Amino acid sequence: MLEAPSSAQLVEAFVNTVDVELGTDDLAVPDQLPAWLAERGLLPSGTPVTTEEHQLALRLRDGIRENLGVHTGDTPDPGLLRDADEVLRRLPLVATLRPGSRATLEPAPGLTPVRHALAALAVAWTELTVTGEAARLKRCAEHTCAWVFWDSSKNRSRRWCSMRVCGNRTKARRYATKRTSAPGTAG
């Protein structure tokens, strides 16, 4: 099995702060964002977050989540992608050359601590897209779930976070639809 790189694990954790199935959001209010960022070493504990910074984080998260649905056949909402693009423009990154290695992306100097942390999320997302690894990060095709997962299959063909749960739900629903719409069946 192919293990997810740290950038994928970070992005996956960020977008999964929303649980569609349970109807929960770990970042629903501004006070939750600094704790989440601090737990991942992106922000010093106790750093305050403004309402605007909280909104930037939510717009970034929603746009990345929407983008990940493409990998399982969904058509993304262009408005959510535009919003995320606008956030990315407000979180500048700089490329830095390191002796004997490739260039690295880093949050631009001068950002507030929270914007610096959000820019670090943007760096992780950018690294995944540039390397093509973002194609392995997918949003479950079962829309009642929509959990984001790392596709460790050799041919990158997984569509559901769990075949036993979400895959079976989808297949059972298709089967039931075929049975009720088949000629000669009641329904």
N, C-alpha and C. Protein backbone atom coordinates (compact mmCIF):
# COMPACT_ATOMS: atom_id res chain seq x y z
N MET A 1 0.83 -1.19 0.00
CA MET A 1 0.00 0.00 0.00
C MET A 1 0.87 1.25 0.00
N LEU A 2 0.48 2.21 -0.77
CA LEU A 2 1.19 3.48 -0.86
C LEU A 2 0.70 4.40 0.25
N GLU A 3 1.63 4.83 1.10
CA GLU A 3 1.27 5.71 2.21
C GLU A 3 1.18 7.15 1.74
N ALA A 4 0.23 7.87 2.28
CA ALA A 4 0.03 9.27 1.92
C ALA A 4 1.20 10.11 2.44
N PRO A 5 1.71 11.02 1.60
CA PRO A 5 2.76 11.93 2.09
C PRO A 5 2.17 12.88 3.14
N SER A 6 3.04 13.50 3.90
CA SER A 6 2.58 14.39 4.97
C SER A 6 1.70 15.52 4.44
N SER A 7 2.00 16.02 3.25
CA SER A 7 1.17 17.09 2.69
C SER A 7 -0.25 16.59 2.43
N ALA A 8 -0.39 15.36 1.97
CA ALA A 8 -1.73 14.79 1.74
C ALA A 8 -2.44 14.55 3.06
N GLN A 9 -1.73 14.10 4.06
CA GLN A 9 -2.34 13.86 5.37
C GLN A 9 -2.86 15.18 5.96
N LEU A 10 -2.10 16.24 5.77
CA LEU A 10 -2.52 17.55 6.28
C LEU A 10 -3.77 18.04 5.54
N VAL A 11 -3.75 17.98 4.22
CA VAL A 11 -4.90 18.44 3.44
C VAL A 11 -6.12 17.57 3.74
N GLU A 12 -5.94 16.26 3.83
CA GLU A 12 -7.04 15.36 4.14
C GLU A 12 -7.66 15.71 5.50
N ALA A 13 -6.83 15.93 6.50
CA ALA A 13 -7.34 16.29 7.83
C ALA A 13 -8.09 17.62 7.78
N PHE A 14 -7.57 18.57 7.01
CA PHE A 14 -8.20 19.89 6.91
C PHE A 14 -9.59 19.79 6.29
N VAL A 15 -9.69 19.12 5.16
CA VAL A 15 -11.00 19.06 4.49
C VAL A 15 -11.98 18.15 5.24
N ASN A 16 -11.47 17.20 5.99
CA ASN A 16 -12.36 16.32 6.76
C ASN A 16 -12.77 16.92 8.10
N THR A 17 -12.51 18.22 8.30
CA THR A 17 -13.07 18.88 9.47
C THR A 17 -14.57 19.04 9.31
N VAL A 18 -15.07 18.80 8.10
CA VAL A 18 -16.51 18.74 7.85
C VAL A 18 -16.88 17.27 7.70
N ASP A 19 -17.90 16.83 8.44
CA ASP A 19 -18.41 15.48 8.30
C ASP A 19 -19.84 15.59 7.79
N VAL A 20 -20.01 15.36 6.48
CA VAL A 20 -21.31 15.51 5.82
C VAL A 20 -22.32 14.54 6.42
N GLU A 21 -21.90 13.31 6.65
CA GLU A 21 -22.81 12.28 7.14
C GLU A 21 -23.34 12.61 8.54
N LEU A 22 -22.47 13.07 9.42
CA LEU A 22 -22.89 13.40 10.78
C LEU A 22 -23.41 14.84 10.90
N GLY A 23 -23.14 15.65 9.88
CA GLY A 23 -23.58 17.04 9.91
C GLY A 23 -22.79 17.88 10.90
N THR A 24 -21.50 17.56 11.07
CA THR A 24 -20.66 18.31 12.00
C THR A 24 -19.58 19.08 11.27
N ASP A 25 -19.10 20.11 11.92
CA ASP A 25 -18.02 20.94 11.37
C ASP A 25 -17.10 21.32 12.51
N ASP A 26 -15.89 20.80 12.51
CA ASP A 26 -14.93 21.06 13.58
C ASP A 26 -14.39 22.49 13.55
N LEU A 27 -14.68 23.23 12.48
CA LEU A 27 -14.22 24.61 12.36
C LEU A 27 -15.40 25.58 12.20
N ALA A 28 -16.54 25.21 12.74
CA ALA A 28 -17.77 25.99 12.54
C ALA A 28 -17.67 27.41 13.07
N VAL A 29 -16.94 27.61 14.14
CA VAL A 29 -16.81 28.95 14.72
C VAL A 29 -15.33 29.34 14.76
N PRO A 30 -15.05 30.64 14.72
CA PRO A 30 -13.66 31.08 14.68
C PRO A 30 -12.78 30.53 15.80
N ASP A 31 -13.31 30.34 16.99
CA ASP A 31 -12.51 29.86 18.12
C ASP A 31 -11.97 28.45 17.91
N GLN A 32 -12.55 27.68 17.01
CA GLN A 32 -12.08 26.31 16.78
C GLN A 32 -10.86 26.24 15.86
N LEU A 33 -10.72 27.22 14.99
CA LEU A 33 -9.63 27.21 14.01
C LEU A 33 -8.23 27.26 14.64
N PRO A 34 -7.96 28.15 15.59
CA PRO A 34 -6.59 28.19 16.13
C PRO A 34 -6.18 26.89 16.82
N ALA A 35 -7.11 26.24 17.51
CA ALA A 35 -6.78 24.97 18.17
C ALA A 35 -6.43 23.91 17.13
N TRP A 36 -7.21 23.85 16.05
CA TRP A 36 -6.95 22.86 14.99
C TRP A 36 -5.57 23.12 14.37
N LEU A 37 -5.29 24.37 14.05
CA LEU A 37 -3.99 24.70 13.45
C LEU A 37 -2.84 24.43 14.42
N ALA A 38 -3.05 24.74 15.70
CA ALA A 38 -2.00 24.52 16.70
C ALA A 38 -1.72 23.03 16.89
N GLU A 39 -2.76 22.20 16.84
CA GLU A 39 -2.58 20.74 16.97
C GLU A 39 -1.66 20.19 15.89
N ARG A 40 -1.61 20.85 14.75
CA ARG A 40 -0.79 20.40 13.64
C ARG A 40 0.52 21.15 13.53
N GLY A 41 0.82 21.94 14.52
CA GLY A 41 2.09 22.68 14.54
C GLY A 41 2.15 23.83 13.56
N LEU A 42 1.00 24.32 13.12
CA LEU A 42 0.98 25.40 12.14
C LEU A 42 0.81 26.78 12.77
N LEU A 43 0.43 26.80 14.04
CA LEU A 43 0.13 28.07 14.70
C LEU A 43 0.44 27.93 16.19
N PRO A 44 1.07 28.95 16.78
CA PRO A 44 1.30 28.88 18.23
C PRO A 44 -0.04 28.84 18.99
N SER A 45 -0.10 28.05 20.04
CA SER A 45 -1.32 27.96 20.86
C SER A 45 -1.71 29.33 21.37
N GLY A 46 -3.01 29.56 21.44
CA GLY A 46 -3.52 30.82 21.98
C GLY A 46 -3.55 31.97 21.01
N THR A 47 -3.14 31.76 19.77
CA THR A 47 -3.17 32.83 18.78
C THR A 47 -4.62 33.13 18.41
N PRO A 48 -5.02 34.40 18.50
CA PRO A 48 -6.40 34.72 18.14
C PRO A 48 -6.62 34.69 16.62
N VAL A 49 -7.85 34.40 16.24
CA VAL A 49 -8.24 34.34 14.83
C VAL A 49 -9.36 35.35 14.60
N THR A 50 -9.21 36.16 13.57
CA THR A 50 -10.27 37.12 13.24
C THR A 50 -11.38 36.40 12.46
N THR A 51 -12.53 37.03 12.40
CA THR A 51 -13.65 36.47 11.63
C THR A 51 -13.25 36.36 10.16
N GLU A 52 -12.51 37.35 9.66
CA GLU A 52 -12.08 37.32 8.26
C GLU A 52 -11.14 36.13 8.00
N GLU A 53 -10.20 35.89 8.90
CA GLU A 53 -9.27 34.75 8.73
C GLU A 53 -10.03 33.43 8.80
N HIS A 54 -11.02 33.35 9.67
CA HIS A 54 -11.85 32.16 9.77
C HIS A 54 -12.58 31.92 8.44
N GLN A 55 -13.14 32.97 7.87
CA GLN A 55 -13.83 32.85 6.59
C GLN A 55 -12.88 32.43 5.47
N LEU A 56 -11.65 32.94 5.50
CA LEU A 56 -10.65 32.52 4.51
C LEU A 56 -10.40 31.02 4.62
N ALA A 57 -10.26 30.52 5.84
CA ALA A 57 -10.01 29.10 6.05
C ALA A 57 -11.17 28.26 5.52
N LEU A 58 -12.40 28.67 5.80
CA LEU A 58 -13.57 27.90 5.35
C LEU A 58 -13.68 27.91 3.83
N ARG A 59 -13.41 29.06 3.23
CA ARG A 59 -13.50 29.14 1.76
C ARG A 59 -12.41 28.28 1.10
N LEU A 60 -11.21 28.29 1.70
CA LEU A 60 -10.13 27.45 1.18
C LEU A 60 -10.51 25.97 1.31
N ARG A 61 -10.99 25.59 2.48
CA ARG A 61 -11.38 24.20 2.72
C ARG A 61 -12.49 23.76 1.76
N ASP A 62 -13.51 24.59 1.59
CA ASP A 62 -14.62 24.22 0.72
C ASP A 62 -14.18 24.07 -0.73
N GLY A 63 -13.28 24.93 -1.17
CA GLY A 63 -12.79 24.85 -2.55
C GLY A 63 -11.95 23.60 -2.78
N ILE A 64 -11.09 23.27 -1.82
CA ILE A 64 -10.28 22.06 -1.97
C ILE A 64 -11.18 20.83 -1.95
N ARG A 65 -12.15 20.77 -1.03
CA ARG A 65 -13.10 19.64 -0.97
C ARG A 65 -13.82 19.48 -2.31
N GLU A 66 -14.26 20.61 -2.85
CA GLU A 66 -14.99 20.58 -4.11
C GLU A 66 -14.09 20.05 -5.22
N ASN A 67 -12.85 20.50 -5.24
CA ASN A 67 -11.90 20.06 -6.25
C ASN A 67 -11.65 18.56 -6.16
N LEU A 68 -11.62 18.01 -4.96
CA LEU A 68 -11.33 16.58 -4.78
C LEU A 68 -12.44 15.69 -5.29
N GLY A 69 -13.64 16.22 -5.42
CA GLY A 69 -14.74 15.44 -5.98
C GLY A 69 -14.54 15.11 -7.45
N VAL A 70 -13.74 15.90 -8.13
CA VAL A 70 -13.46 15.65 -9.55
C VAL A 70 -12.82 14.28 -9.74
N HIS A 71 -12.01 13.86 -8.76
CA HIS A 71 -11.30 12.59 -8.89
C HIS A 71 -12.21 11.37 -8.80
N THR A 72 -13.48 11.58 -8.42
CA THR A 72 -14.44 10.47 -8.41
C THR A 72 -15.61 10.75 -9.35
N GLY A 73 -15.44 11.69 -10.26
CA GLY A 73 -16.42 11.92 -11.32
C GLY A 73 -17.40 13.05 -11.10
N ASP A 74 -17.28 13.82 -10.02
CA ASP A 74 -18.20 14.94 -9.79
C ASP A 74 -17.78 16.15 -10.62
N THR A 75 -18.76 16.98 -10.90
CA THR A 75 -18.49 18.25 -11.55
C THR A 75 -18.45 19.31 -10.46
N PRO A 76 -17.34 20.02 -10.33
CA PRO A 76 -17.22 20.97 -9.22
C PRO A 76 -18.09 22.21 -9.41
N ASP A 77 -18.46 22.80 -8.29
CA ASP A 77 -19.19 24.06 -8.29
C ASP A 77 -18.18 25.17 -8.59
N PRO A 78 -18.32 25.85 -9.72
CA PRO A 78 -17.32 26.87 -10.09
C PRO A 78 -17.23 28.01 -9.07
N GLY A 79 -18.32 28.32 -8.39
CA GLY A 79 -18.29 29.38 -7.39
C GLY A 79 -17.39 29.04 -6.22
N LEU A 80 -17.45 27.79 -5.76
CA LEU A 80 -16.58 27.37 -4.65
C LEU A 80 -15.12 27.37 -5.07
N LEU A 81 -14.84 26.98 -6.31
CA LEU A 81 -13.46 27.00 -6.80
C LEU A 81 -12.95 28.44 -6.94
N ARG A 82 -13.80 29.34 -7.42
CA ARG A 82 -13.42 30.76 -7.54
C ARG A 82 -13.12 31.34 -6.16
N ASP A 83 -13.96 31.02 -5.18
CA ASP A 83 -13.74 31.51 -3.82
C ASP A 83 -12.39 31.04 -3.28
N ALA A 84 -12.09 29.75 -3.48
CA ALA A 84 -10.82 29.21 -3.01
C ALA A 84 -9.65 29.86 -3.74
N ASP A 85 -9.80 30.09 -5.04
CA ASP A 85 -8.74 30.76 -5.80
C ASP A 85 -8.48 32.16 -5.25
N GLU A 86 -9.55 32.86 -4.89
CA GLU A 86 -9.40 34.20 -4.31
C GLU A 86 -8.64 34.12 -2.99
N VAL A 87 -8.94 33.13 -2.18
CA VAL A 87 -8.22 32.94 -0.91
C VAL A 87 -6.74 32.68 -1.19
N LEU A 88 -6.47 31.81 -2.15
CA LEU A 88 -5.07 31.49 -2.47
C LEU A 88 -4.30 32.74 -2.93
N ARG A 89 -4.97 33.63 -3.64
CA ARG A 89 -4.30 34.87 -4.06
C ARG A 89 -3.97 35.75 -2.85
N ARG A 90 -4.74 35.61 -1.77
CA ARG A 90 -4.51 36.42 -0.57
C ARG A 90 -3.51 35.76 0.39
N LEU A 91 -3.01 34.59 0.02
CA LEU A 91 -2.02 33.87 0.84
C LEU A 91 -0.78 33.65 0.00
N PRO A 92 0.01 34.69 -0.22
CA PRO A 92 1.15 34.57 -1.13
C PRO A 92 2.19 33.56 -0.66
N LEU A 93 2.76 32.89 -1.64
CA LEU A 93 3.82 31.91 -1.41
C LEU A 93 5.07 32.38 -2.14
N VAL A 94 6.22 31.96 -1.65
CA VAL A 94 7.47 32.28 -2.33
C VAL A 94 8.23 30.97 -2.57
N ALA A 95 8.91 30.92 -3.70
CA ALA A 95 9.77 29.78 -4.00
C ALA A 95 11.18 30.13 -3.55
N THR A 96 11.82 29.18 -2.91
CA THR A 96 13.18 29.40 -2.40
C THR A 96 14.08 28.29 -2.94
N LEU A 97 15.21 28.68 -3.50
CA LEU A 97 16.17 27.70 -3.98
C LEU A 97 17.07 27.28 -2.83
N ARG A 98 17.25 25.98 -2.70
CA ARG A 98 18.13 25.42 -1.67
C ARG A 98 19.34 24.82 -2.38
N PRO A 99 20.54 25.04 -1.86
CA PRO A 99 21.72 24.48 -2.51
C PRO A 99 21.61 22.95 -2.63
N GLY A 100 21.85 22.47 -3.83
CA GLY A 100 21.89 21.03 -4.07
C GLY A 100 20.54 20.34 -4.07
N SER A 101 19.44 21.11 -4.03
CA SER A 101 18.12 20.47 -4.07
C SER A 101 17.17 21.31 -4.90
N ARG A 102 15.97 20.86 -4.94
CA ARG A 102 14.98 21.59 -5.74
C ARG A 102 14.43 22.78 -4.96
N ALA A 103 13.69 23.61 -5.64
CA ALA A 103 13.08 24.77 -5.00
C ALA A 103 11.97 24.32 -4.06
N THR A 104 11.76 25.08 -3.01
CA THR A 104 10.67 24.79 -2.08
C THR A 104 9.72 25.98 -2.04
N LEU A 105 8.48 25.71 -1.77
CA LEU A 105 7.49 26.76 -1.58
C LEU A 105 7.33 27.01 -0.10
N GLU A 106 7.16 28.27 0.25
CA GLU A 106 6.97 28.65 1.64
C GLU A 106 6.00 29.81 1.70
N PRO A 107 5.31 29.96 2.83
CA PRO A 107 4.48 31.17 2.99
C PRO A 107 5.35 32.41 2.88
N ALA A 108 4.83 33.44 2.24
CA ALA A 108 5.58 34.69 2.09
C ALA A 108 5.80 35.34 3.44
N PRO A 109 6.92 36.04 3.59
CA PRO A 109 7.17 36.74 4.85
C PRO A 109 6.14 37.86 5.05
N GLY A 110 5.93 38.21 6.31
CA GLY A 110 5.05 39.33 6.61
C GLY A 110 3.58 38.99 6.80
N LEU A 111 3.23 37.73 6.66
CA LEU A 111 1.84 37.33 6.87
C LEU A 111 1.55 37.26 8.37
N THR A 112 0.31 37.51 8.73
CA THR A 112 -0.08 37.32 10.13
C THR A 112 0.11 35.84 10.46
N PRO A 113 0.21 35.48 11.74
CA PRO A 113 0.40 34.07 12.08
C PRO A 113 -0.68 33.15 11.51
N VAL A 114 -1.92 33.58 11.53
CA VAL A 114 -3.01 32.73 11.01
C VAL A 114 -2.90 32.62 9.49
N ARG A 115 -2.65 33.72 8.82
CA ARG A 115 -2.49 33.65 7.35
C ARG A 115 -1.26 32.82 6.98
N HIS A 116 -0.23 32.89 7.79
CA HIS A 116 0.96 32.06 7.57
C HIS A 116 0.57 30.58 7.66
N ALA A 117 -0.25 30.23 8.65
CA ALA A 117 -0.70 28.85 8.81
C ALA A 117 -1.57 28.42 7.63
N LEU A 118 -2.45 29.30 7.18
CA LEU A 118 -3.29 28.97 6.02
C LEU A 118 -2.44 28.86 4.76
N ALA A 119 -1.41 29.69 4.65
CA ALA A 119 -0.50 29.59 3.52
C ALA A 119 0.25 28.27 3.54
N ALA A 120 0.56 27.76 4.74
CA ALA A 120 1.21 26.44 4.85
C ALA A 120 0.27 25.35 4.31
N LEU A 121 -1.03 25.49 4.54
CA LEU A 121 -2.00 24.56 3.95
C LEU A 121 -2.00 24.70 2.43
N ALA A 122 -1.89 25.94 1.96
CA ALA A 122 -1.83 26.18 0.51
C ALA A 122 -0.57 25.56 -0.08
N VAL A 123 0.54 25.61 0.65
CA VAL A 123 1.78 24.97 0.19
C VAL A 123 1.57 23.47 0.04
N ALA A 124 0.95 22.85 1.06
CA ALA A 124 0.70 21.41 1.01
C ALA A 124 -0.17 21.06 -0.19
N TRP A 125 -1.22 21.83 -0.42
CA TRP A 125 -2.12 21.59 -1.56
C TRP A 125 -1.37 21.77 -2.88
N THR A 126 -0.56 22.81 -2.97
CA THR A 126 0.20 23.08 -4.19
C THR A 126 1.18 21.95 -4.48
N GLU A 127 1.88 21.48 -3.45
CA GLU A 127 2.82 20.37 -3.64
C GLU A 127 2.10 19.14 -4.20
N LEU A 128 0.91 18.86 -3.68
CA LEU A 128 0.16 17.70 -4.17
C LEU A 128 -0.26 17.86 -5.63
N THR A 129 -0.69 19.05 -5.99
CA THR A 129 -1.13 19.25 -7.37
C THR A 129 0.05 19.25 -8.33
N VAL A 130 1.17 19.86 -7.94
CA VAL A 130 2.34 19.91 -8.81
C VAL A 130 2.91 18.52 -9.05
N THR A 131 2.94 17.69 -8.03
CA THR A 131 3.50 16.34 -8.16
C THR A 131 2.51 15.34 -8.76
N GLY A 132 1.25 15.73 -8.87
CA GLY A 132 0.22 14.81 -9.38
C GLY A 132 -0.38 13.93 -8.30
N GLU A 133 0.13 14.05 -7.08
CA GLU A 133 -0.37 13.24 -5.97
C GLU A 133 -1.79 13.62 -5.56
N ALA A 134 -2.23 14.82 -5.93
CA ALA A 134 -3.59 15.24 -5.58
C ALA A 134 -4.63 14.30 -6.19
N ALA A 135 -4.28 13.62 -7.27
CA ALA A 135 -5.22 12.68 -7.89
C ALA A 135 -5.51 11.49 -6.99
N ARG A 136 -4.65 11.22 -6.02
CA ARG A 136 -4.89 10.13 -5.07
C ARG A 136 -5.75 10.55 -3.88
N LEU A 137 -5.89 11.83 -3.70
CA LEU A 137 -6.73 12.36 -2.64
C LEU A 137 -8.11 12.59 -3.25
N LYS A 138 -9.12 11.88 -2.73
CA LYS A 138 -10.44 11.88 -3.36
C LYS A 138 -11.54 12.11 -2.33
N ARG A 139 -12.63 12.68 -2.81
CA ARG A 139 -13.84 12.80 -1.99
C ARG A 139 -14.73 11.62 -2.34
N CYS A 140 -15.21 10.91 -1.33
CA CYS A 140 -16.03 9.72 -1.53
C CYS A 140 -17.17 10.01 -2.50
N ALA A 141 -17.38 9.11 -3.45
CA ALA A 141 -18.42 9.28 -4.46
C ALA A 141 -19.82 9.11 -3.88
N GLU A 142 -19.93 8.56 -2.68
CA GLU A 142 -21.22 8.45 -2.00
C GLU A 142 -21.52 9.82 -1.39
N HIS A 143 -22.46 10.54 -2.00
CA HIS A 143 -22.70 11.93 -1.62
C HIS A 143 -23.23 12.11 -0.20
N THR A 144 -23.82 11.09 0.38
CA THR A 144 -24.25 11.21 1.77
C THR A 144 -23.06 11.11 2.72
N CYS A 145 -21.91 10.70 2.19
CA CYS A 145 -20.69 10.58 2.99
C CYS A 145 -19.75 11.75 2.67
N ALA A 146 -19.23 11.78 1.46
CA ALA A 146 -18.32 12.83 0.99
C ALA A 146 -17.03 12.95 1.81
N TRP A 147 -16.64 11.86 2.49
CA TRP A 147 -15.40 11.85 3.27
C TRP A 147 -14.22 11.87 2.31
N VAL A 148 -13.17 12.57 2.64
CA VAL A 148 -11.98 12.61 1.80
C VAL A 148 -11.01 11.53 2.27
N PHE A 149 -10.44 10.81 1.31
CA PHE A 149 -9.56 9.69 1.64
C PHE A 149 -8.39 9.65 0.65
N TRP A 150 -7.34 8.96 1.06
CA TRP A 150 -6.15 8.74 0.24
C TRP A 150 -6.35 7.43 -0.49
N ASP A 151 -6.32 7.45 -1.81
CA ASP A 151 -6.48 6.25 -2.62
C ASP A 151 -5.12 5.55 -2.74
N SER A 152 -4.97 4.47 -2.00
CA SER A 152 -3.70 3.74 -2.01
C SER A 152 -3.70 2.59 -3.01
N SER A 153 -4.76 2.48 -3.81
CA SER A 153 -4.80 1.39 -4.79
C SER A 153 -3.75 1.63 -5.88
N LYS A 154 -3.25 0.53 -6.41
CA LYS A 154 -2.18 0.61 -7.40
C LYS A 154 -2.59 1.44 -8.62
N ASN A 155 -3.82 1.24 -9.08
CA ASN A 155 -4.26 1.94 -10.30
C ASN A 155 -5.10 3.19 -10.03
N ARG A 156 -5.14 3.64 -8.78
CA ARG A 156 -5.85 4.86 -8.40
C ARG A 156 -7.33 4.81 -8.77
N SER A 157 -7.98 3.68 -8.59
CA SER A 157 -9.35 3.51 -9.06
C SER A 157 -10.42 3.55 -7.98
N ARG A 158 -10.03 3.70 -6.72
CA ARG A 158 -11.05 3.74 -5.66
C ARG A 158 -11.99 4.92 -5.85
N ARG A 159 -13.25 4.68 -5.56
CA ARG A 159 -14.26 5.74 -5.66
C ARG A 159 -14.89 6.05 -4.30
N TRP A 160 -14.81 5.10 -3.38
CA TRP A 160 -15.46 5.25 -2.09
C TRP A 160 -14.43 5.17 -0.98
N CYS A 161 -14.73 5.83 0.12
CA CYS A 161 -13.82 5.77 1.26
C CYS A 161 -13.79 4.35 1.82
N SER A 162 -14.91 3.63 1.70
CA SER A 162 -15.00 2.25 2.15
C SER A 162 -15.92 1.48 1.22
N MET A 163 -15.43 0.43 0.64
CA MET A 163 -16.27 -0.39 -0.23
C MET A 163 -17.36 -1.07 0.58
N ARG A 164 -17.02 -1.49 1.80
CA ARG A 164 -17.99 -2.21 2.63
C ARG A 164 -19.17 -1.33 3.03
N VAL A 165 -18.94 -0.05 3.20
CA VAL A 165 -20.02 0.83 3.64
C VAL A 165 -20.55 1.64 2.45
N CYS A 166 -19.79 2.61 2.01
CA CYS A 166 -20.26 3.52 0.97
C CYS A 166 -20.42 2.85 -0.39
N GLY A 167 -19.49 2.00 -0.76
CA GLY A 167 -19.62 1.28 -2.03
C GLY A 167 -20.86 0.42 -2.04
N ASN A 168 -21.12 -0.29 -0.95
CA ASN A 168 -22.31 -1.14 -0.87
C ASN A 168 -23.58 -0.32 -0.86
N ARG A 169 -23.60 0.83 -0.21
CA ARG A 169 -24.78 1.70 -0.22
C ARG A 169 -25.13 2.09 -1.65
N THR A 170 -24.12 2.52 -2.38
CA THR A 170 -24.33 2.96 -3.76
C THR A 170 -24.82 1.82 -4.63
N LYS A 171 -24.18 0.68 -4.52
CA LYS A 171 -24.55 -0.48 -5.34
C LYS A 171 -25.94 -1.00 -4.97
N ALA A 172 -26.28 -1.00 -3.69
CA ALA A 172 -27.61 -1.45 -3.26
C ALA A 172 -28.68 -0.50 -3.78
N ARG A 173 -28.40 0.79 -3.75
CA ARG A 173 -29.36 1.77 -4.26
C ARG A 173 -29.57 1.57 -5.76
N ARG A 174 -28.48 1.34 -6.50
CA ARG A 174 -28.61 1.09 -7.96
C ARG A 174 -29.43 -0.16 -8.23
N TYR A 175 -29.16 -1.19 -7.47
CA TYR A 175 -29.89 -2.46 -7.63
C TYR A 175 -31.38 -2.25 -7.35
N ALA A 176 -31.70 -1.55 -6.27
CA ALA A 176 -33.10 -1.31 -5.93
C ALA A 176 -33.79 -0.48 -7.00
N THR A 177 -33.09 0.49 -7.56
CA THR A 177 -33.66 1.32 -8.62
C THR A 177 -33.95 0.48 -9.85
N LYS A 178 -33.03 -0.39 -10.22
CA LYS A 178 -33.23 -1.26 -11.38
C LYS A 178 -34.42 -2.20 -11.16
N ARG A 179 -34.55 -2.75 -9.96
CA ARG A 179 -35.63 -3.69 -9.66
C ARG A 179 -37.00 -3.02 -9.73
N THR A 180 -37.09 -1.78 -9.23
CA THR A 180 -38.39 -1.12 -9.22
C THR A 180 -38.75 -0.53 -10.58
N SER A 181 -37.75 -0.31 -11.42
CA SER A 181 -38.05 0.28 -12.74
C SER A 181 -38.09 -0.77 -13.84
N ALA A 182 -37.77 -2.03 -13.51
CA ALA A 182 -37.79 -3.10 -14.52
C ALA A 182 -39.25 -3.41 -14.91
N PRO A 183 -39.50 -3.73 -16.19
CA PRO A 183 -40.84 -4.08 -16.64
C PRO A 183 -41.37 -5.28 -15.86
N GLY A 184 -42.65 -5.21 -15.48
CA GLY A 184 -43.28 -6.33 -14.81
C GLY A 184 -43.07 -6.37 -13.31
N THR A 185 -42.43 -5.32 -12.74
CA THR A 185 -42.24 -5.30 -11.28
C THR A 185 -43.17 -4.27 -10.68
N ALA A 186 -43.62 -4.54 -9.51
CA ALA A 186 -44.50 -3.59 -8.82
C ALA A 186 -43.66 -2.46 -8.25
N GLY A 187 -44.19 -1.31 -8.18
CA GLY A 187 -43.42 -0.26 -7.56
C GLY A 187 -43.72 1.02 -8.13
